[in-house]
N, C-alpha and C. Protein backbone atom coordinates (compact mmCIF):
# COMPACT_ATOMS: atom_id res chain seq x y z
N MET A 1 0.15 149.34 67.33
CA MET A 1 -0.32 149.21 65.95
C MET A 1 -0.75 147.85 65.70
N GLN A 2 -1.84 147.54 65.20
CA GLN A 2 -2.33 146.20 65.03
C GLN A 2 -1.50 145.47 63.98
N HIS A 3 -1.04 146.06 62.86
CA HIS A 3 -0.36 145.28 61.92
C HIS A 3 0.94 144.68 62.40
N GLU A 4 1.63 145.39 63.28
CA GLU A 4 2.84 144.80 63.85
C GLU A 4 2.55 143.52 64.69
N THR A 5 1.45 143.57 65.45
CA THR A 5 1.13 142.44 66.16
C THR A 5 0.67 141.33 65.20
N ASN A 6 -0.09 141.52 64.17
CA ASN A 6 -0.40 140.50 63.08
C ASN A 6 0.73 140.02 62.41
N GLU A 7 1.67 140.84 62.10
CA GLU A 7 3.05 140.51 61.50
C GLU A 7 3.76 139.51 62.23
N SER A 8 3.97 140.03 63.49
CA SER A 8 4.86 139.15 64.50
C SER A 8 4.28 137.82 64.62
N MET A 9 2.87 137.83 64.74
CA MET A 9 2.17 136.53 65.02
C MET A 9 2.43 135.57 63.72
N ALA A 10 2.26 136.14 62.67
CA ALA A 10 2.41 135.47 61.34
C ALA A 10 3.86 134.81 61.16
N ILE A 11 4.75 135.67 61.47
CA ILE A 11 6.21 135.38 61.45
C ILE A 11 6.56 134.30 62.29
N SER A 12 6.12 134.36 63.68
CA SER A 12 6.35 133.43 64.62
C SER A 12 5.63 131.97 64.12
N ASP A 13 4.55 132.08 63.69
CA ASP A 13 3.76 130.80 63.33
C ASP A 13 4.54 130.20 61.99
N LEU A 14 4.82 131.09 61.04
CA LEU A 14 5.57 130.31 59.89
C LEU A 14 7.01 129.84 60.25
N ALA A 15 7.58 130.58 61.11
CA ALA A 15 9.03 130.04 61.49
C ALA A 15 8.97 128.70 62.22
N GLU A 16 7.85 128.59 63.02
CA GLU A 16 7.58 127.24 63.62
C GLU A 16 7.17 126.18 62.67
N ARG A 17 6.44 126.59 61.66
CA ARG A 17 5.85 125.63 60.69
C ARG A 17 7.08 125.17 59.89
N LEU A 18 7.96 125.97 59.57
CA LEU A 18 9.02 125.67 58.54
C LEU A 18 10.48 125.36 59.20
N GLU A 19 10.32 125.46 60.65
CA GLU A 19 11.56 125.26 61.45
C GLU A 19 12.66 126.12 60.95
N VAL A 20 12.45 127.49 60.71
CA VAL A 20 13.50 128.36 60.27
C VAL A 20 13.43 129.53 61.45
N ALA A 21 14.53 130.35 61.34
CA ALA A 21 14.60 131.55 62.21
C ALA A 21 13.80 132.59 61.57
N PRO A 22 13.09 133.28 62.53
CA PRO A 22 12.31 134.35 62.12
C PRO A 22 12.98 135.38 61.13
N ILE A 23 14.30 135.56 61.33
CA ILE A 23 14.97 136.47 60.51
C ILE A 23 15.09 136.11 59.08
N GLU A 24 14.83 134.85 58.78
CA GLU A 24 14.81 134.25 57.48
C GLU A 24 13.50 134.44 56.61
N ILE A 25 12.61 135.21 57.36
CA ILE A 25 11.20 135.45 56.71
C ILE A 25 11.10 136.88 56.39
N ASP A 26 10.74 137.24 55.10
CA ASP A 26 10.52 138.52 54.59
C ASP A 26 9.02 138.70 54.52
N ILE A 27 8.55 140.06 54.86
CA ILE A 27 7.19 140.44 54.63
C ILE A 27 7.37 141.23 53.26
N VAL A 28 6.66 140.72 52.26
CA VAL A 28 6.75 141.35 50.90
C VAL A 28 5.42 142.00 50.63
N ALA A 29 4.32 141.77 51.34
CA ALA A 29 3.09 142.48 50.97
C ALA A 29 2.14 142.47 52.36
N ARG A 30 1.57 143.63 52.44
CA ARG A 30 0.65 143.82 53.54
C ARG A 30 -0.57 144.64 52.93
N GLU A 31 -1.74 144.18 52.98
CA GLU A 31 -2.78 144.68 52.45
C GLU A 31 -4.03 144.59 53.27
N GLU A 32 -4.79 145.87 53.31
CA GLU A 32 -6.18 145.84 53.78
C GLU A 32 -7.04 145.30 52.60
N VAL A 33 -7.91 144.44 52.86
CA VAL A 33 -8.78 144.09 51.83
C VAL A 33 -10.20 143.81 52.46
N THR A 34 -11.29 143.64 51.55
CA THR A 34 -12.57 143.39 51.86
C THR A 34 -12.88 141.97 51.43
N TRP A 35 -13.08 140.99 52.33
CA TRP A 35 -13.31 139.67 51.85
C TRP A 35 -14.82 139.60 51.48
N PRO A 36 -15.15 138.70 50.44
CA PRO A 36 -16.56 138.50 49.97
C PRO A 36 -17.46 137.83 50.96
N ASP A 37 -16.93 137.19 51.97
CA ASP A 37 -17.73 136.43 53.03
C ASP A 37 -17.02 136.30 54.30
N SER A 38 -17.52 135.68 55.28
CA SER A 38 -16.95 135.69 56.59
C SER A 38 -15.81 134.66 56.77
N SER A 39 -15.42 134.02 55.67
CA SER A 39 -14.28 133.05 55.75
C SER A 39 -12.90 133.84 55.90
N ALA A 40 -13.04 135.09 55.71
CA ALA A 40 -11.93 135.89 55.81
C ALA A 40 -10.71 135.54 54.79
N GLY A 41 -11.14 135.12 53.74
CA GLY A 41 -10.12 134.63 52.71
C GLY A 41 -9.61 133.34 52.67
N CYS A 42 -10.13 132.45 53.61
CA CYS A 42 -9.54 131.18 53.77
C CYS A 42 -10.70 130.04 53.99
N PRO A 43 -11.47 130.01 53.07
CA PRO A 43 -12.60 129.05 53.13
C PRO A 43 -12.18 127.63 53.31
N GLN A 44 -12.87 126.75 54.15
CA GLN A 44 -12.49 125.49 54.36
C GLN A 44 -13.65 124.56 53.66
N PRO A 45 -13.26 123.62 53.07
CA PRO A 45 -14.09 122.59 52.58
C PRO A 45 -15.28 122.16 53.47
N GLY A 46 -16.47 122.14 52.98
CA GLY A 46 -17.59 121.71 53.83
C GLY A 46 -18.16 122.62 54.88
N MET A 47 -17.69 123.92 54.82
CA MET A 47 -18.01 124.87 55.84
C MET A 47 -18.92 125.84 55.05
N MET A 48 -19.91 126.50 55.82
CA MET A 48 -20.76 127.56 55.15
C MET A 48 -20.29 128.89 55.82
N TYR A 49 -20.27 129.87 55.08
CA TYR A 49 -20.00 131.18 55.51
C TYR A 49 -21.01 132.21 55.18
N LEU A 50 -21.10 133.18 56.25
CA LEU A 50 -22.07 134.28 55.94
C LEU A 50 -21.60 135.00 54.73
N GLN A 51 -22.56 135.35 53.80
CA GLN A 51 -22.24 136.11 52.55
C GLN A 51 -22.41 137.58 52.81
N VAL A 52 -21.44 138.04 53.70
CA VAL A 52 -21.39 139.52 53.99
C VAL A 52 -19.93 140.04 53.64
N LEU A 53 -19.87 141.29 53.20
CA LEU A 53 -18.47 141.83 53.03
C LEU A 53 -17.90 141.92 54.36
N THR A 54 -16.50 141.52 54.48
CA THR A 54 -15.84 141.40 55.75
C THR A 54 -14.49 142.13 55.61
N ASN A 55 -14.33 143.15 56.38
CA ASN A 55 -13.04 143.80 56.50
C ASN A 55 -11.88 142.92 57.01
N GLY A 56 -10.80 142.97 56.37
CA GLY A 56 -9.67 142.27 56.80
C GLY A 56 -8.36 142.58 56.24
N TYR A 57 -7.48 141.65 56.15
CA TYR A 57 -6.15 141.77 55.58
C TYR A 57 -5.54 140.57 55.16
N ARG A 58 -4.40 140.75 54.48
CA ARG A 58 -3.60 139.56 54.05
C ARG A 58 -2.14 139.99 54.03
N LEU A 59 -1.37 139.03 54.47
CA LEU A 59 0.17 139.23 54.45
C LEU A 59 0.75 138.13 53.57
N GLU A 60 1.70 138.60 52.88
CA GLU A 60 2.48 137.62 52.08
C GLU A 60 3.89 137.64 52.66
N LEU A 61 4.28 136.41 53.10
CA LEU A 61 5.57 136.18 53.70
C LEU A 61 6.40 135.26 52.80
N VAL A 62 7.68 135.66 52.49
CA VAL A 62 8.45 134.81 51.69
C VAL A 62 9.73 134.06 52.37
N VAL A 63 9.98 132.86 52.14
CA VAL A 63 11.12 132.21 52.69
C VAL A 63 11.77 131.49 51.52
N ASP A 64 13.06 131.72 51.20
CA ASP A 64 13.68 131.04 50.13
C ASP A 64 12.99 131.14 48.80
N GLY A 65 12.31 132.36 48.48
CA GLY A 65 11.66 132.51 47.28
C GLY A 65 10.17 131.90 47.25
N VAL A 66 9.75 131.35 48.29
CA VAL A 66 8.37 130.74 48.28
C VAL A 66 7.57 131.70 49.12
N SER A 67 6.32 131.91 48.55
CA SER A 67 5.36 132.67 49.26
C SER A 67 4.43 131.99 50.13
N TYR A 68 4.15 132.54 51.33
CA TYR A 68 3.30 131.94 52.20
C TYR A 68 2.12 133.07 52.56
N TRP A 69 0.85 132.86 52.56
CA TRP A 69 -0.12 133.66 52.82
C TRP A 69 -0.70 133.61 54.25
N TYR A 70 -1.01 134.81 54.97
CA TYR A 70 -1.69 134.79 56.18
C TYR A 70 -2.85 135.77 55.85
N VAL A 71 -4.13 135.45 56.35
CA VAL A 71 -5.18 136.21 56.24
C VAL A 71 -5.93 136.47 57.53
N GLY A 72 -6.87 137.42 57.51
CA GLY A 72 -7.63 137.54 58.77
C GLY A 72 -8.78 138.61 58.58
N LYS A 73 -9.52 138.68 59.59
CA LYS A 73 -10.60 139.74 59.75
C LYS A 73 -9.99 140.76 60.65
N ALA A 74 -10.50 141.95 60.35
CA ALA A 74 -10.01 143.14 61.16
C ALA A 74 -10.17 142.89 62.72
N GLY A 75 -9.20 143.14 63.39
CA GLY A 75 -9.17 143.09 64.80
C GLY A 75 -9.01 141.52 65.25
N ARG A 76 -8.69 140.66 64.42
CA ARG A 76 -8.50 139.12 64.76
C ARG A 76 -7.14 138.70 64.25
N PRO A 77 -6.57 137.75 65.00
CA PRO A 77 -5.17 137.37 64.61
C PRO A 77 -5.17 136.56 63.27
N PRO A 78 -4.00 136.78 62.75
CA PRO A 78 -3.85 135.96 61.30
C PRO A 78 -3.96 134.58 61.37
N GLN A 79 -4.36 133.94 60.22
CA GLN A 79 -4.26 132.59 60.04
C GLN A 79 -3.51 132.21 58.71
N TYR A 80 -2.75 131.06 58.78
CA TYR A 80 -2.03 130.60 57.58
C TYR A 80 -3.09 130.04 56.61
N CYS A 81 -3.03 130.37 55.45
CA CYS A 81 -3.84 129.80 54.40
C CYS A 81 -3.13 129.38 53.13
N ARG A 82 -3.25 128.14 52.84
CA ARG A 82 -2.37 127.55 51.70
C ARG A 82 -3.08 128.08 50.46
N GLU A 83 -4.30 128.31 50.20
CA GLU A 83 -5.00 128.69 49.04
C GLU A 83 -5.89 129.79 49.35
N PRO A 84 -5.57 131.02 49.64
CA PRO A 84 -6.42 131.99 49.93
C PRO A 84 -7.31 132.43 48.77
N SER A 85 -8.56 132.87 49.15
CA SER A 85 -9.44 133.32 48.13
C SER A 85 -9.17 134.82 47.63
N SER A 86 -9.77 135.17 46.61
CA SER A 86 -9.60 136.52 46.26
C SER A 86 -10.40 137.51 47.02
N PRO A 87 -9.85 138.65 47.35
CA PRO A 87 -10.73 139.66 48.06
C PRO A 87 -11.79 140.25 47.09
N ALA A 88 -12.90 140.84 47.70
CA ALA A 88 -13.85 141.42 47.01
C ALA A 88 -13.42 142.73 46.35
N ASP A 89 -12.42 143.30 46.93
CA ASP A 89 -11.82 144.52 46.37
C ASP A 89 -10.44 144.23 45.90
N GLU A 90 -9.79 145.13 45.25
CA GLU A 90 -8.47 144.89 44.85
C GLU A 90 -7.38 145.08 45.99
N GLY A 91 -7.84 145.48 47.17
CA GLY A 91 -6.89 145.70 48.27
C GLY A 91 -5.96 146.85 47.99
N ARG A 92 -5.29 147.24 48.99
CA ARG A 92 -4.39 148.32 48.86
C ARG A 92 -3.19 148.10 49.81
N PHE A 93 -1.98 148.48 49.36
CA PHE A 93 -0.77 148.36 50.31
C PHE A 93 -0.91 149.47 51.16
N GLY A 94 -0.40 149.19 52.38
CA GLY A 94 -0.28 150.16 53.45
C GLY A 94 -0.47 149.66 54.82
N ASP A 95 -0.59 150.57 55.79
CA ASP A 95 -0.91 150.21 57.13
C ASP A 95 -2.29 149.82 57.35
N PHE A 96 -2.54 149.02 58.33
CA PHE A 96 -3.88 148.70 58.73
C PHE A 96 -4.06 148.47 60.15
């Protein structure tokens, strides 16, 4: 299942970033979304992106009450995003 892989990669990355044990990280949201462009929810300053609807996902992880977002395109690994953009759709909770 792809979401388990994405979740475990996101948890491992966040645990390393924050220097915490993976068990201290909770997954509170997992959504399939359609991003409005090819930035997959995490546009970077000075970059240009294709203006095409892009299937993807976002994960909200929480450590000590603080949310951390991971976003990505379908079939690609998640990336940490400090300020994710809004999806083109409202997203939906569930498996992806």
